């Protein structure tokens, strides 16, 4: 639920006037996270209702997370990452760290190859080939 703040006491927060006061629309950080969720959802070929159904949430909640009007709890972000098959680091900046969500395809690949440095090197070479091929198409 969005917070009402008639004193503008939260720095770095966007406000919109609504009857009875100003509605806390969340921080620009929430909006950036929402844009990443939206892009991952579109990449997965899902609409807001379909993603909401998979998560046990309503379409309205997904919409508010995507526009940054609602702060996203970590456990829901984890579930979104799992459903959209993205690492947590896609959604949150972790600089040097990569956070993987269990039961995703990426997690399965990492779990499978991390025990063999030879497989990691082969996978890295193949990834280089895929990146090269992608740049040649575009």
Protein backbone atom coordinates (compact mmCIF):
# COMPACT_ATOMS: atom_id res chain seq x y z
CA UNK A 1 0.00 0.00 0.00
CA UNK A 2 1.38 3.41 -0.89
CA UNK A 3 2.17 5.81 1.90
CA UNK A 4 0.66 9.27 2.37
CA UNK A 5 3.10 12.01 3.25
CA UNK A 6 1.75 15.52 3.60
CA UNK A 7 5.04 16.85 5.04
CA UNK A 8 7.36 15.76 2.20
CA UNK A 9 9.72 14.19 4.74
CA UNK A 10 11.20 11.43 2.58
CA UNK A 11 14.14 12.70 0.47
CA UNK A 12 14.56 11.17 -2.98
CA UNK A 13 10.89 10.24 -3.23
CA UNK A 14 8.49 11.26 -5.97
CA UNK A 15 5.12 12.69 -4.94
CA UNK A 16 1.82 13.10 -6.75
CA UNK A 17 -1.00 15.18 -5.40
CA UNK A 18 -4.12 13.19 -4.60
CA UNK A 19 -7.25 14.06 -2.69
CA UNK A 20 -6.25 14.36 0.97
CA UNK A 21 -2.53 14.82 0.48
CA UNK A 22 0.44 13.79 -1.60
CA UNK A 23 0.91 10.15 -2.53
CA UNK A 24 4.39 8.70 -2.08
CA UNK A 25 5.11 7.19 -5.49
CA UNK A 26 8.37 5.59 -4.39
CA UNK A 27 11.91 6.49 -5.25
CA UNK A 28 13.46 6.71 -8.72
CA UNK A 29 15.24 3.47 -7.74
CA UNK A 30 11.84 1.74 -7.49
CA UNK A 31 10.94 3.02 -10.96
CA UNK A 32 14.22 1.72 -12.43
CA UNK A 33 13.62 -1.68 -10.85
CA UNK A 34 10.10 -1.61 -12.26
CA UNK A 35 11.42 -0.92 -15.75
CA UNK A 36 13.68 -3.96 -15.46
CA UNK A 37 10.76 -6.11 -14.32
CA UNK A 38 8.66 -4.87 -17.22
CA UNK A 39 11.41 -5.61 -19.75
CA UNK A 40 12.03 -9.11 -18.35
CA UNK A 41 8.27 -9.79 -18.40
CA UNK A 42 8.00 -8.67 -22.03
CA UNK A 43 11.05 -10.75 -22.95
CA UNK A 44 9.31 -13.76 -21.40
CA UNK A 45 6.23 -13.05 -23.53
CA UNK A 46 3.94 -12.49 -20.56
CA UNK A 47 1.40 -9.76 -19.88
CA UNK A 48 0.92 -8.33 -16.39
CA UNK A 49 -2.07 -10.54 -15.63
CA UNK A 50 -0.22 -13.72 -16.62
CA UNK A 51 2.78 -12.86 -14.45
CA UNK A 52 0.49 -11.88 -11.60
CA UNK A 53 -1.38 -15.19 -11.87
CA UNK A 54 1.90 -17.14 -11.74
CA UNK A 55 2.92 -15.22 -8.61
CA UNK A 56 -0.47 -15.23 -6.91
CA UNK A 57 -0.73 -11.44 -7.32
CA UNK A 58 -3.17 -9.24 -9.15
CA UNK A 59 -2.44 -7.44 -12.41
CA UNK A 60 -2.78 -4.14 -10.54
CA UNK A 61 0.08 -5.07 -8.17
CA UNK A 62 2.37 -5.97 -11.08
CA UNK A 63 1.49 -2.68 -12.76
CA UNK A 64 2.32 -0.68 -9.62
CA UNK A 65 5.65 -2.51 -9.18
CA UNK A 66 6.55 -1.82 -12.81
CA UNK A 67 5.88 1.93 -12.61
CA UNK A 68 7.65 2.20 -9.26
CA UNK A 69 4.51 3.26 -7.41
CA UNK A 70 4.87 0.42 -4.93
CA UNK A 71 7.96 -0.76 -3.09
CA UNK A 72 8.77 -4.34 -3.96
CA UNK A 73 9.38 -6.78 -1.07
CA UNK A 74 12.49 -8.91 -1.52
CA UNK A 75 10.57 -12.21 -1.42
CA UNK A 76 8.36 -11.06 -4.30
CA UNK A 77 11.39 -9.90 -6.28
CA UNK A 78 12.90 -13.37 -5.75
CA UNK A 79 9.69 -14.96 -7.05
CA UNK A 80 9.63 -12.61 -10.06
CA UNK A 81 13.24 -13.50 -10.86
CA UNK A 82 12.37 -17.19 -10.66
CA UNK A 83 9.27 -16.86 -12.87
CA UNK A 84 11.08 -14.74 -15.46
CA UNK A 85 14.20 -16.92 -15.30
CA UNK A 86 16.56 -14.04 -14.51
CA UNK A 87 19.32 -13.76 -11.91
CA UNK A 88 18.66 -11.37 -9.05
CA UNK A 89 21.62 -9.32 -10.25
CA UNK A 90 19.60 -8.44 -13.36
CA UNK A 91 17.20 -6.52 -11.14
CA UNK A 92 19.55 -5.13 -8.49
CA UNK A 93 23.06 -3.74 -8.93
CA UNK A 94 25.58 -6.03 -7.33
CA UNK A 95 28.72 -4.75 -9.08
CA UNK A 96 31.02 -7.77 -8.77
CA UNK A 97 28.56 -10.33 -7.40
CA UNK A 98 26.05 -12.42 -9.29
CA UNK A 99 23.04 -13.60 -7.33
CA UNK A 100 21.26 -16.64 -8.77
CA UNK A 101 17.79 -17.76 -7.85
CA UNK A 102 17.38 -21.49 -7.27
CA UNK A 103 15.22 -23.46 -9.68
CA UNK A 104 16.03 -21.25 -12.66
CA UNK A 105 17.71 -22.42 -15.85
CA UNK A 106 20.70 -20.17 -15.19
CA UNK A 107 21.14 -21.60 -11.69
CA UNK A 108 21.01 -25.15 -13.10
CA UNK A 109 23.71 -24.34 -15.67
CA UNK A 110 25.99 -22.73 -13.08
CA UNK A 111 25.49 -25.62 -10.64
CA UNK A 112 26.28 -28.10 -13.38
CA UNK A 113 29.46 -26.53 -14.78
CA UNK A 114 31.07 -24.96 -11.72
CA UNK A 115 32.67 -28.26 -10.69
CA UNK A 116 34.80 -28.40 -13.86
CA UNK A 117 37.13 -25.61 -14.88
CA UNK A 118 37.41 -27.19 -18.34
CA UNK A 119 33.63 -26.94 -18.82
CA UNK A 120 33.68 -23.35 -17.59
CA UNK A 121 36.35 -22.46 -20.16
CA UNK A 122 34.38 -24.20 -22.95
CA UNK A 123 31.19 -22.46 -21.88
CA UNK A 124 32.97 -19.09 -21.83
CA UNK A 125 34.34 -19.67 -25.35
CA UNK A 126 30.87 -20.63 -26.59
CA UNK A 127 29.42 -17.53 -24.95
CA UNK A 128 31.99 -15.44 -26.82
CA UNK A 129 30.85 -17.05 -30.06
CA UNK A 130 27.18 -16.28 -29.26
CA UNK A 131 28.00 -12.64 -28.47
CA UNK A 132 29.98 -12.34 -31.72
CA UNK A 133 27.11 -13.87 -33.71
CA UNK A 134 24.63 -11.49 -32.08
CA UNK A 135 26.72 -8.43 -33.05
CA UNK A 136 26.94 -9.66 -36.65
CA UNK A 137 23.14 -9.85 -36.95
CA UNK A 138 22.41 -6.43 -35.49
